[in-house]
Every structure is written in structure tokens, then in C-alpha cells.
N, C-alpha and C. Protein backbone atom coordinates (compact mmCIF):
# COMPACT_ATOMS: atom_id res chain seq x y z
N UNK A 1 0.84 -1.20 0.00
CA UNK A 1 0.00 0.00 0.00
C UNK A 1 0.87 1.25 0.00
N UNK A 2 1.93 1.26 0.81
CA UNK A 2 2.82 2.42 0.90
C UNK A 2 3.46 2.71 -0.45
N UNK A 3 3.90 1.68 -1.14
CA UNK A 3 4.52 1.86 -2.44
C UNK A 3 3.53 2.45 -3.44
N UNK A 4 2.29 1.96 -3.40
CA UNK A 4 1.26 2.50 -4.29
C UNK A 4 0.98 3.97 -3.98
N UNK A 5 0.92 4.32 -2.71
CA UNK A 5 0.68 5.72 -2.33
C UNK A 5 1.83 6.62 -2.79
N UNK A 6 3.06 6.12 -2.68
CA UNK A 6 4.21 6.89 -3.17
C UNK A 6 4.11 7.11 -4.68
N UNK A 7 3.74 6.06 -5.40
CA UNK A 7 3.60 6.17 -6.86
C UNK A 7 2.49 7.15 -7.22
N UNK A 8 1.37 7.10 -6.49
CA UNK A 8 0.27 8.04 -6.74
C UNK A 8 0.69 9.48 -6.44
N UNK A 9 1.43 9.67 -5.37
CA UNK A 9 1.91 11.00 -5.01
C UNK A 9 2.90 11.52 -6.06
N UNK A 10 3.77 10.64 -6.54
CA UNK A 10 4.73 11.04 -7.58
C UNK A 10 3.98 11.43 -8.86
N UNK A 11 2.92 10.69 -9.19
CA UNK A 11 2.12 11.01 -10.37
C UNK A 11 1.42 12.36 -10.20
N UNK A 12 0.86 12.61 -9.03
CA UNK A 12 0.20 13.91 -8.77
C UNK A 12 1.21 15.05 -8.87
N UNK A 13 2.39 14.86 -8.29
CA UNK A 13 3.43 15.91 -8.34
C UNK A 13 3.85 16.18 -9.78
N UNK A 14 3.98 15.11 -10.57
CA UNK A 14 4.36 15.26 -11.97
C UNK A 14 3.28 16.02 -12.74
N UNK A 15 2.02 15.66 -12.53
CA UNK A 15 0.91 16.35 -13.20
C UNK A 15 0.86 17.82 -12.80
N UNK A 16 1.09 18.11 -11.52
CA UNK A 16 1.10 19.51 -11.06
C UNK A 16 2.23 20.28 -11.72
N UNK A 17 3.39 19.65 -11.85
CA UNK A 17 4.53 20.30 -12.49
C UNK A 17 4.23 20.62 -13.95
N UNK A 18 3.68 19.66 -14.68
CA UNK A 18 3.36 19.89 -16.09
C UNK A 18 2.25 20.92 -16.24
N UNK A 19 1.28 20.93 -15.35
CA UNK A 19 0.21 21.94 -15.40
C UNK A 19 0.79 23.33 -15.14
N UNK A 20 1.74 23.44 -14.22
CA UNK A 20 2.38 24.73 -13.94
C UNK A 20 3.15 25.23 -15.16
N UNK A 21 3.85 24.33 -15.83
CA UNK A 21 4.59 24.70 -17.05
C UNK A 21 3.61 25.13 -18.13
N UNK A 22 2.55 24.36 -18.33
CA UNK A 22 1.51 24.66 -19.33
C UNK A 22 0.94 26.06 -19.08
N UNK A 23 0.62 26.35 -17.83
CA UNK A 23 0.02 27.65 -17.49
C UNK A 23 1.01 28.80 -17.55
N UNK A 24 2.29 28.53 -17.40
CA UNK A 24 3.31 29.59 -17.39
C UNK A 24 3.75 30.00 -18.79
N UNK A 25 3.42 29.22 -19.80
CA UNK A 25 3.87 29.53 -21.15
C UNK A 25 3.35 30.89 -21.61
N UNK A 26 4.22 31.67 -22.25
CA UNK A 26 3.83 32.96 -22.80
C UNK A 26 3.04 32.78 -24.10
N UNK A 27 3.17 31.63 -24.74
CA UNK A 27 2.46 31.34 -25.97
C UNK A 27 1.15 30.62 -25.66
N UNK A 28 0.10 30.92 -26.43
CA UNK A 28 -1.14 30.18 -26.26
C UNK A 28 -0.93 28.70 -26.52
N UNK A 29 -1.44 27.87 -25.62
CA UNK A 29 -1.38 26.41 -25.75
C UNK A 29 -2.79 25.86 -25.69
N UNK A 30 -3.08 24.90 -26.57
CA UNK A 30 -4.37 24.22 -26.60
C UNK A 30 -4.12 22.73 -26.66
N UNK A 31 -4.89 21.97 -25.92
CA UNK A 31 -4.84 20.52 -25.99
C UNK A 31 -6.13 20.04 -26.64
N UNK A 32 -5.98 19.16 -27.65
CA UNK A 32 -7.12 18.58 -28.37
C UNK A 32 -7.15 17.08 -28.11
N UNK A 33 -8.36 16.52 -28.00
CA UNK A 33 -8.48 15.07 -27.90
C UNK A 33 -8.82 14.50 -29.27
N UNK A 34 -8.97 13.18 -29.34
CA UNK A 34 -9.22 12.51 -30.61
C UNK A 34 -10.63 12.75 -31.14
N UNK A 35 -11.50 13.33 -30.33
CA UNK A 35 -12.87 13.66 -30.76
C UNK A 35 -12.95 15.11 -31.27
N UNK A 36 -11.76 15.71 -31.52
CA UNK A 36 -11.66 17.08 -32.05
C UNK A 36 -12.29 18.10 -31.10
N UNK A 37 -12.08 17.87 -29.80
CA UNK A 37 -12.55 18.80 -28.78
C UNK A 37 -11.35 19.36 -28.04
N UNK A 38 -11.45 20.64 -27.67
CA UNK A 38 -10.41 21.23 -26.84
C UNK A 38 -10.55 20.68 -25.42
N UNK A 39 -9.45 20.17 -24.90
CA UNK A 39 -9.42 19.58 -23.57
C UNK A 39 -8.95 20.61 -22.55
N UNK A 40 -8.04 21.49 -22.98
CA UNK A 40 -7.51 22.51 -22.07
C UNK A 40 -6.89 23.64 -22.88
N UNK A 41 -6.88 24.81 -22.30
CA UNK A 41 -6.16 25.96 -22.85
C UNK A 41 -5.48 26.65 -21.69
N UNK A 42 -4.40 27.36 -21.98
CA UNK A 42 -3.68 28.04 -20.90
C UNK A 42 -4.09 29.52 -20.82
N UNK A 43 -3.65 30.22 -19.78
CA UNK A 43 -3.99 31.65 -19.64
C UNK A 43 -3.53 32.50 -20.83
N UNK A 44 -2.43 32.15 -21.46
CA UNK A 44 -1.97 32.91 -22.63
C UNK A 44 -2.98 32.80 -23.77
N UNK A 45 -3.62 31.66 -23.92
CA UNK A 45 -4.66 31.50 -24.93
C UNK A 45 -5.79 32.48 -24.65
N UNK A 46 -6.22 32.53 -23.40
CA UNK A 46 -7.31 33.44 -23.03
C UNK A 46 -6.92 34.89 -23.31
N UNK A 47 -5.69 35.24 -22.99
CA UNK A 47 -5.21 36.61 -23.17
C UNK A 47 -5.09 36.99 -24.65
N UNK A 48 -4.53 36.10 -25.46
CA UNK A 48 -4.29 36.41 -26.87
C UNK A 48 -5.57 36.31 -27.69
N UNK A 49 -6.35 35.26 -27.49
CA UNK A 49 -7.54 35.05 -28.32
C UNK A 49 -8.80 35.70 -27.75
N UNK A 50 -8.84 35.90 -26.44
CA UNK A 50 -9.98 36.57 -25.83
C UNK A 50 -11.10 35.67 -25.36
N UNK A 51 -11.07 34.38 -25.72
CA UNK A 51 -12.09 33.45 -25.23
C UNK A 51 -11.63 32.87 -23.90
N UNK A 52 -12.55 32.68 -22.99
CA UNK A 52 -12.21 32.07 -21.71
C UNK A 52 -12.13 30.56 -21.86
N UNK A 53 -11.48 29.96 -20.92
CA UNK A 53 -11.35 28.51 -20.88
C UNK A 53 -12.73 27.86 -20.93
N UNK A 54 -13.65 28.38 -20.13
CA UNK A 54 -15.00 27.82 -20.04
C UNK A 54 -15.74 27.89 -21.37
N UNK A 55 -15.43 28.88 -22.20
CA UNK A 55 -16.10 29.04 -23.49
C UNK A 55 -15.63 28.03 -24.53
N UNK A 56 -14.44 27.45 -24.35
CA UNK A 56 -13.90 26.59 -25.39
C UNK A 56 -13.69 25.12 -24.99
N UNK A 57 -13.57 24.83 -23.71
CA UNK A 57 -13.32 23.44 -23.29
C UNK A 57 -14.49 22.55 -23.69
N UNK A 58 -14.16 21.40 -24.27
CA UNK A 58 -15.17 20.44 -24.70
C UNK A 58 -15.75 20.75 -26.06
N UNK A 59 -15.24 21.79 -26.70
CA UNK A 59 -15.76 22.20 -28.01
C UNK A 59 -14.67 22.15 -29.06
N UNK A 60 -15.10 22.01 -30.29
CA UNK A 60 -14.21 22.16 -31.43
C UNK A 60 -14.56 23.49 -32.07
N UNK A 61 -14.87 23.45 -33.34
CA UNK A 61 -15.30 24.66 -34.04
C UNK A 61 -16.73 24.52 -34.55
N UNK A 62 -17.50 23.55 -33.99
CA UNK A 62 -18.87 23.38 -34.46
C UNK A 62 -19.70 24.64 -34.24
N UNK A 63 -19.47 25.33 -33.14
CA UNK A 63 -20.09 26.64 -32.92
C UNK A 63 -18.99 27.65 -33.17
N UNK A 64 -18.93 28.15 -34.38
CA UNK A 64 -17.80 28.96 -34.81
C UNK A 64 -17.80 30.37 -34.25
N UNK A 65 -18.85 30.81 -33.61
CA UNK A 65 -18.88 32.16 -33.06
C UNK A 65 -18.64 33.23 -34.11
N UNK A 66 -19.22 33.05 -35.29
CA UNK A 66 -19.04 34.03 -36.35
C UNK A 66 -17.84 33.76 -37.25
N UNK A 67 -17.07 32.72 -36.97
CA UNK A 67 -15.91 32.39 -37.80
C UNK A 67 -16.37 31.64 -39.05
N UNK A 68 -15.69 31.87 -40.15
CA UNK A 68 -16.07 31.23 -41.41
C UNK A 68 -15.79 29.73 -41.36
N UNK A 69 -16.50 28.95 -42.18
CA UNK A 69 -16.21 27.51 -42.24
C UNK A 69 -14.77 27.24 -42.67
N UNK A 70 -14.22 28.07 -43.56
CA UNK A 70 -12.84 27.89 -44.02
C UNK A 70 -11.86 28.09 -42.87
N UNK A 71 -12.12 29.09 -42.03
CA UNK A 71 -11.26 29.37 -40.87
C UNK A 71 -11.20 28.13 -39.97
N UNK A 72 -12.37 27.61 -39.66
CA UNK A 72 -12.44 26.44 -38.78
C UNK A 72 -11.82 25.22 -39.43
N UNK A 73 -12.11 24.98 -40.70
CA UNK A 73 -11.64 23.77 -41.36
C UNK A 73 -10.12 23.73 -41.49
N UNK A 74 -9.48 24.87 -41.75
CA UNK A 74 -8.01 24.88 -41.85
C UNK A 74 -7.39 24.44 -40.53
N UNK A 75 -7.95 24.88 -39.43
CA UNK A 75 -7.41 24.52 -38.12
C UNK A 75 -7.71 23.07 -37.77
N UNK A 76 -8.91 22.62 -38.08
CA UNK A 76 -9.26 21.24 -37.77
C UNK A 76 -8.45 20.27 -38.64
N UNK A 77 -8.12 20.68 -39.86
CA UNK A 77 -7.27 19.83 -40.71
C UNK A 77 -5.90 19.63 -40.06
N UNK A 78 -5.37 20.67 -39.45
CA UNK A 78 -4.08 20.54 -38.75
C UNK A 78 -4.20 19.56 -37.59
N UNK A 79 -5.28 19.68 -36.82
CA UNK A 79 -5.48 18.79 -35.68
C UNK A 79 -5.61 17.35 -36.17
N UNK A 80 -6.38 17.14 -37.24
CA UNK A 80 -6.54 15.78 -37.78
C UNK A 80 -5.20 15.21 -38.24
N UNK A 81 -4.41 16.02 -38.92
CA UNK A 81 -3.09 15.55 -39.38
C UNK A 81 -2.23 15.14 -38.19
N UNK A 82 -2.27 15.93 -37.12
CA UNK A 82 -1.46 15.60 -35.95
C UNK A 82 -2.02 14.39 -35.21
N UNK A 83 -3.34 14.23 -35.19
CA UNK A 83 -3.90 13.02 -34.59
C UNK A 83 -3.43 11.78 -35.35
N UNK A 84 -3.13 11.96 -36.63
CA UNK A 84 -2.59 10.85 -37.44
C UNK A 84 -1.09 10.69 -37.27
N UNK A 85 -0.47 11.55 -36.44
CA UNK A 85 0.95 11.40 -36.13
C UNK A 85 1.87 12.45 -36.72
N UNK A 86 1.35 13.40 -37.48
CA UNK A 86 2.18 14.40 -38.15
C UNK A 86 2.34 15.66 -37.30
N UNK A 87 3.55 16.17 -37.20
CA UNK A 87 3.80 17.48 -36.59
C UNK A 87 3.66 18.53 -37.68
N UNK A 88 2.88 19.57 -37.44
CA UNK A 88 2.61 20.59 -38.46
C UNK A 88 3.10 21.95 -38.00
N UNK A 89 3.44 22.81 -38.97
CA UNK A 89 3.89 24.18 -38.70
C UNK A 89 3.40 25.06 -39.83
N UNK A 90 2.54 26.03 -39.53
CA UNK A 90 1.99 26.93 -40.54
C UNK A 90 1.85 28.33 -39.97
N UNK A 91 1.66 29.29 -40.87
CA UNK A 91 1.29 30.64 -40.48
C UNK A 91 -0.11 30.88 -41.01
N UNK A 92 -1.01 31.32 -40.14
CA UNK A 92 -2.40 31.55 -40.52
C UNK A 92 -2.89 32.87 -39.97
N UNK A 93 -3.79 33.51 -40.72
CA UNK A 93 -4.47 34.66 -40.14
C UNK A 93 -5.43 34.13 -39.07
N UNK A 94 -5.39 34.74 -37.90
CA UNK A 94 -6.25 34.33 -36.80
C UNK A 94 -7.15 35.48 -36.41
N UNK A 95 -8.18 35.16 -35.63
CA UNK A 95 -9.14 36.17 -35.22
C UNK A 95 -9.36 36.07 -33.72
N UNK A 96 -9.27 37.22 -33.06
CA UNK A 96 -9.56 37.29 -31.63
C UNK A 96 -11.09 37.33 -31.44
N UNK A 97 -11.52 37.09 -30.25
CA UNK A 97 -12.96 37.11 -29.95
C UNK A 97 -13.58 38.46 -30.33
N UNK A 98 -12.82 39.55 -30.18
CA UNK A 98 -13.34 40.88 -30.49
C UNK A 98 -13.32 41.19 -31.99
N UNK A 99 -12.90 40.22 -32.81
CA UNK A 99 -12.89 40.39 -34.26
C UNK A 99 -11.57 40.87 -34.83
N UNK A 100 -10.65 41.28 -33.97
CA UNK A 100 -9.34 41.75 -34.45
C UNK A 100 -8.59 40.59 -35.09
N UNK A 101 -7.96 40.88 -36.23
CA UNK A 101 -7.20 39.86 -36.95
C UNK A 101 -5.72 40.02 -36.66
N UNK A 102 -5.02 38.89 -36.65
CA UNK A 102 -3.57 38.89 -36.46
C UNK A 102 -2.99 37.66 -37.13
N UNK A 103 -1.68 37.71 -37.38
CA UNK A 103 -0.99 36.58 -37.99
C UNK A 103 -0.43 35.70 -36.88
N UNK A 104 -0.72 34.41 -36.97
CA UNK A 104 -0.26 33.47 -35.94
C UNK A 104 0.58 32.37 -36.58
N UNK A 105 1.65 32.05 -35.90
CA UNK A 105 2.44 30.87 -36.23
C UNK A 105 1.83 29.75 -35.41
N UNK A 106 1.42 28.68 -36.06
CA UNK A 106 0.73 27.57 -35.40
C UNK A 106 1.56 26.30 -35.56
N UNK A 107 1.80 25.63 -34.45
CA UNK A 107 2.46 24.32 -34.46
C UNK A 107 1.50 23.33 -33.81
N UNK A 108 1.35 22.18 -34.44
CA UNK A 108 0.56 21.11 -33.83
C UNK A 108 1.47 19.91 -33.64
N UNK A 109 1.42 19.35 -32.44
CA UNK A 109 2.34 18.28 -32.05
C UNK A 109 1.53 17.09 -31.52
N UNK A 110 1.67 15.93 -32.14
CA UNK A 110 0.93 14.76 -31.66
C UNK A 110 1.57 14.16 -30.41
N UNK A 111 0.72 13.62 -29.54
CA UNK A 111 1.20 12.85 -28.39
C UNK A 111 0.07 11.95 -27.92
N UNK A 112 0.41 11.02 -27.06
CA UNK A 112 -0.60 10.11 -26.50
C UNK A 112 -0.75 10.41 -25.02
N UNK A 113 -1.99 10.38 -24.58
CA UNK A 113 -2.31 10.56 -23.15
C UNK A 113 -3.33 9.51 -22.78
N UNK A 114 -2.97 8.68 -21.81
CA UNK A 114 -3.83 7.59 -21.35
C UNK A 114 -4.28 6.70 -22.51
N UNK A 115 -3.34 6.46 -23.42
CA UNK A 115 -3.59 5.56 -24.55
C UNK A 115 -4.35 6.18 -25.71
N UNK A 116 -4.74 7.42 -25.58
CA UNK A 116 -5.53 8.08 -26.63
C UNK A 116 -4.69 9.15 -27.32
N UNK A 117 -4.79 9.27 -28.65
CA UNK A 117 -4.06 10.34 -29.33
C UNK A 117 -4.60 11.72 -28.93
N UNK A 118 -3.70 12.63 -28.73
CA UNK A 118 -4.02 14.03 -28.42
C UNK A 118 -3.11 14.91 -29.27
N UNK A 119 -3.42 16.19 -29.29
CA UNK A 119 -2.62 17.16 -30.02
C UNK A 119 -2.40 18.37 -29.14
N UNK A 120 -1.14 18.82 -29.08
CA UNK A 120 -0.80 20.08 -28.45
C UNK A 120 -0.64 21.10 -29.55
N UNK A 121 -1.40 22.18 -29.48
CA UNK A 121 -1.25 23.29 -30.42
C UNK A 121 -0.57 24.44 -29.70
N UNK A 122 0.50 24.94 -30.31
CA UNK A 122 1.24 26.09 -29.79
C UNK A 122 1.05 27.21 -30.80
N UNK A 123 0.54 28.34 -30.34
CA UNK A 123 0.31 29.49 -31.23
C UNK A 123 1.20 30.64 -30.79
N UNK A 124 1.57 31.47 -31.74
CA UNK A 124 2.39 32.65 -31.42
C UNK A 124 1.94 33.79 -32.33
N UNK A 125 1.63 34.93 -31.74
CA UNK A 125 1.26 36.11 -32.51
C UNK A 125 2.53 36.67 -33.15
N UNK A 126 2.60 36.61 -34.48
CA UNK A 126 3.79 37.08 -35.19
C UNK A 126 3.48 38.31 -36.05
N UNK A 127 2.42 39.01 -35.72
CA UNK A 127 1.99 40.17 -36.49
C UNK A 127 3.10 41.21 -36.58
N UNK A 128 3.73 41.53 -35.46
CA UNK A 128 4.80 42.54 -35.47
C UNK A 128 5.99 42.09 -36.30
N UNK A 129 6.36 40.83 -36.18
CA UNK A 129 7.48 40.31 -36.96
C UNK A 129 7.18 40.38 -38.45
N UNK A 130 5.96 40.01 -38.85
CA UNK A 130 5.58 40.06 -40.26
C UNK A 130 5.59 41.50 -40.76
N UNK A 131 5.14 42.45 -39.94
CA UNK A 131 5.15 43.86 -40.33
C UNK A 131 6.59 44.35 -40.50
N UNK A 132 7.49 43.94 -39.61
CA UNK A 132 8.90 44.34 -39.71
C UNK A 132 9.53 43.74 -40.97
N UNK A 133 9.21 42.48 -41.28
CA UNK A 133 9.73 41.86 -42.50
C UNK A 133 9.23 42.60 -43.74
N UNK A 134 7.96 42.99 -43.74
CA UNK A 134 7.40 43.72 -44.88
C UNK A 134 8.07 45.09 -45.02
N UNK A 135 8.31 45.77 -43.89
CA UNK A 135 8.98 47.07 -43.93
C UNK A 135 10.40 46.92 -44.48
N UNK A 136 11.10 45.88 -44.07
CA UNK A 136 12.45 45.63 -44.58
C UNK A 136 12.43 45.36 -46.08
N UNK A 137 11.48 44.54 -46.54
CA UNK A 137 11.35 44.28 -47.98
C UNK A 137 11.09 45.57 -48.75
N UNK A 138 10.19 46.41 -48.22
CA UNK A 138 9.88 47.68 -48.88
C UNK A 138 11.11 48.57 -48.95
N UNK A 139 11.89 48.61 -47.87
CA UNK A 139 13.10 49.41 -47.84
C UNK A 139 14.12 48.88 -48.84
N UNK A 140 14.27 47.57 -48.92
CA UNK A 140 15.20 46.97 -49.87
C UNK A 140 14.77 47.26 -51.30
N UNK A 141 13.47 47.18 -51.56
CA UNK A 141 12.96 47.47 -52.90
C UNK A 141 13.21 48.95 -53.27
N UNK A 142 13.02 49.82 -52.28
CA UNK A 142 13.27 51.25 -52.53
C UNK A 142 14.75 51.49 -52.81
N UNK A 143 15.62 50.88 -52.01
CA UNK A 143 17.07 51.01 -52.24
C UNK A 143 17.42 50.52 -53.63
N UNK A 144 16.91 49.34 -54.00
CA UNK A 144 17.23 48.75 -55.30
C UNK A 144 16.75 49.66 -56.43
N UNK A 145 15.57 50.23 -56.29
CA UNK A 145 15.04 51.11 -57.34
C UNK A 145 15.93 52.34 -57.50
N UNK A 146 16.36 52.93 -56.39
CA UNK A 146 17.24 54.11 -56.45
C UNK A 146 18.60 53.73 -57.03
N UNK A 147 19.17 52.63 -56.56
CA UNK A 147 20.47 52.14 -57.02
C UNK A 147 20.45 51.90 -58.53
N UNK A 148 19.38 51.26 -59.01
CA UNK A 148 19.29 50.93 -60.43
C UNK A 148 18.94 52.14 -61.30
N UNK A 149 18.22 53.12 -60.76
CA UNK A 149 17.74 54.24 -61.56
C UNK A 149 18.73 55.40 -61.69
N UNK A 150 19.67 55.50 -60.78
CA UNK A 150 20.60 56.63 -60.84
C UNK A 150 21.43 56.58 -62.12
N UNK A 151 21.74 57.76 -62.65
CA UNK A 151 22.51 57.82 -63.90
C UNK A 151 24.01 57.76 -63.65
N UNK A 152 24.42 57.90 -62.41
CA UNK A 152 25.84 57.77 -62.06
C UNK A 152 26.18 56.29 -61.87
N UNK A 153 27.35 55.90 -62.30
CA UNK A 153 27.80 54.54 -62.10
C UNK A 153 28.13 54.31 -60.63
N UNK A 154 27.57 53.27 -60.03
CA UNK A 154 27.80 52.96 -58.63
C UNK A 154 28.38 51.56 -58.48
N UNK A 155 29.33 51.44 -57.54
CA UNK A 155 29.93 50.16 -57.19
C UNK A 155 29.72 49.95 -55.70
N UNK A 156 29.26 48.77 -55.32
CA UNK A 156 29.08 48.43 -53.92
C UNK A 156 30.11 47.35 -53.57
N UNK A 157 30.89 47.62 -52.52
CA UNK A 157 31.90 46.65 -52.07
C UNK A 157 31.63 46.30 -50.62
N UNK A 158 32.09 45.11 -50.20
CA UNK A 158 31.93 44.70 -48.80
C UNK A 158 33.12 45.19 -47.98
N UNK A 159 33.17 44.80 -46.71
CA UNK A 159 34.22 45.26 -45.80
C UNK A 159 35.62 44.81 -46.25
N UNK A 160 35.71 43.73 -47.01
CA UNK A 160 37.00 43.26 -47.52
C UNK A 160 37.29 43.82 -48.92
N UNK A 161 36.51 44.81 -49.34
CA UNK A 161 36.64 45.50 -50.63
C UNK A 161 36.34 44.60 -51.83
N UNK A 162 35.62 43.50 -51.59
CA UNK A 162 35.20 42.64 -52.69
C UNK A 162 33.98 43.28 -53.38
N UNK A 163 33.90 43.13 -54.66
CA UNK A 163 32.78 43.65 -55.44
C UNK A 163 31.51 42.89 -55.07
N UNK A 164 30.49 43.63 -54.68
CA UNK A 164 29.22 43.02 -54.30
C UNK A 164 28.16 43.29 -55.35
N UNK A 165 28.13 44.52 -55.89
CA UNK A 165 27.08 44.88 -56.84
C UNK A 165 27.51 46.11 -57.63
N UNK A 166 26.97 46.23 -58.82
CA UNK A 166 27.14 47.45 -59.63
C UNK A 166 25.78 47.76 -60.22
N UNK A 167 25.57 49.04 -60.53
CA UNK A 167 24.27 49.40 -61.09
C UNK A 167 24.34 49.41 -62.63
N UNK A 168 23.19 49.45 -63.28
CA UNK A 168 23.16 49.43 -64.76
C UNK A 168 23.92 50.60 -65.38
N UNK A 169 23.92 51.78 -64.76
CA UNK A 169 24.63 52.92 -65.33
C UNK A 169 26.12 52.64 -65.44
N UNK A 170 26.69 51.97 -64.46
CA UNK A 170 28.10 51.62 -64.51
C UNK A 170 28.36 50.63 -65.65
N UNK A 171 27.49 49.65 -65.79
CA UNK A 171 27.66 48.64 -66.84
C UNK A 171 27.53 49.27 -68.24
N UNK A 172 26.62 50.21 -68.36
CA UNK A 172 26.43 50.87 -69.64
C UNK A 172 27.65 51.72 -70.00
N UNK A 173 28.31 52.28 -68.99
CA UNK A 173 29.49 53.12 -69.22
C UNK A 173 30.73 52.30 -69.47
N UNK A 174 30.70 51.02 -69.09
CA UNK A 174 31.81 50.13 -69.35
C UNK A 174 33.00 50.31 -68.44
N UNK A 175 32.91 51.10 -67.38
CA UNK A 175 34.05 51.33 -66.49
C UNK A 175 33.89 50.52 -65.22
N UNK A 176 35.00 50.40 -64.49
CA UNK A 176 34.91 49.81 -63.14
C UNK A 176 35.79 50.56 -62.21
């Protein structure tokens, strides 16, 4: 009996530790069961998406709350793929409860719990990163347009004075 009680206590301590880690994550975490129902979500999910735990536990996307069928189906397809054993990684436009849209990096990871397949979904709001990438692309395009359009011949060299780029005006002039 004592050995069994120790094993039960060790199991409870382990579950408490994993629950603490789950709740401490800065990224939204969702657990799905094989019946395509959310089993648990962490506080970051509530904060980022705006739905409370009570509003989503035990549900899939059957009550979409105004979300399009395509929105729900893309996410459920990821869960189904992971229930079949595949780890998935995608970027999707997501919607908060208040209707605000944002870009999310979504990872789905298959695992087994009590003999049943489950899926851990990890989401990350990458809206700011995507905006910064777009701004950098726009800046690079602007630089390239100016570099290519100037009538003066330009040479770009790196720190070791190796030739990196020349503009069309330089090539047309035939000099280096």
C-alpha cells in the first residue's frame, strides 16, 4: 500500500509540475483530444484570443462564433493531421474574440495521453514580426530602385573591398 501511495503522489506531483509549465507559457497552448474537442487551454490562450477557458473546453469549431467555415476547417485539418501522427507548422491569419485579426504561427504536435491520441497546439502572434519583414522588404525594394535608376555609375563593395554589386549605369558606361 505504501509503495502505491508513493507512486500516486509522484504522479500527482508530476501532473502539477506539467500543469504549472503549461500555465506559465507565454504562448497560447491548446490541448485537443481525438474527438476534435479542446481539452484545455492556458492563460496565454485566453489573453491572446480573448475566449475564456469555459467558453472553449469540450468544443471544437462546431459553434464557430461568427468564424467562417474555411477558418475552422483549416485549423481542424491541422489537428486531424497531428492526430494521425504528423507534426505541423503553418502561419495563418487568426481572429480574436473581439474580431481583431492577427498573424499566428501555429504548431501542432501529436502525443498520447492515457492511450488516446491528443494534439498540443502552440500558437504565437507574429503580427509585429511580419510587419517588420514587410517594412524591410519595402526598404530593400526602394534602395534597389534608387540604385538601379541613378545615372551615375555605382559600385558596392563589402568590408574586404570585394565587389558586391554594380548598377546598370556603370555597366552601360563600361568602367569599373
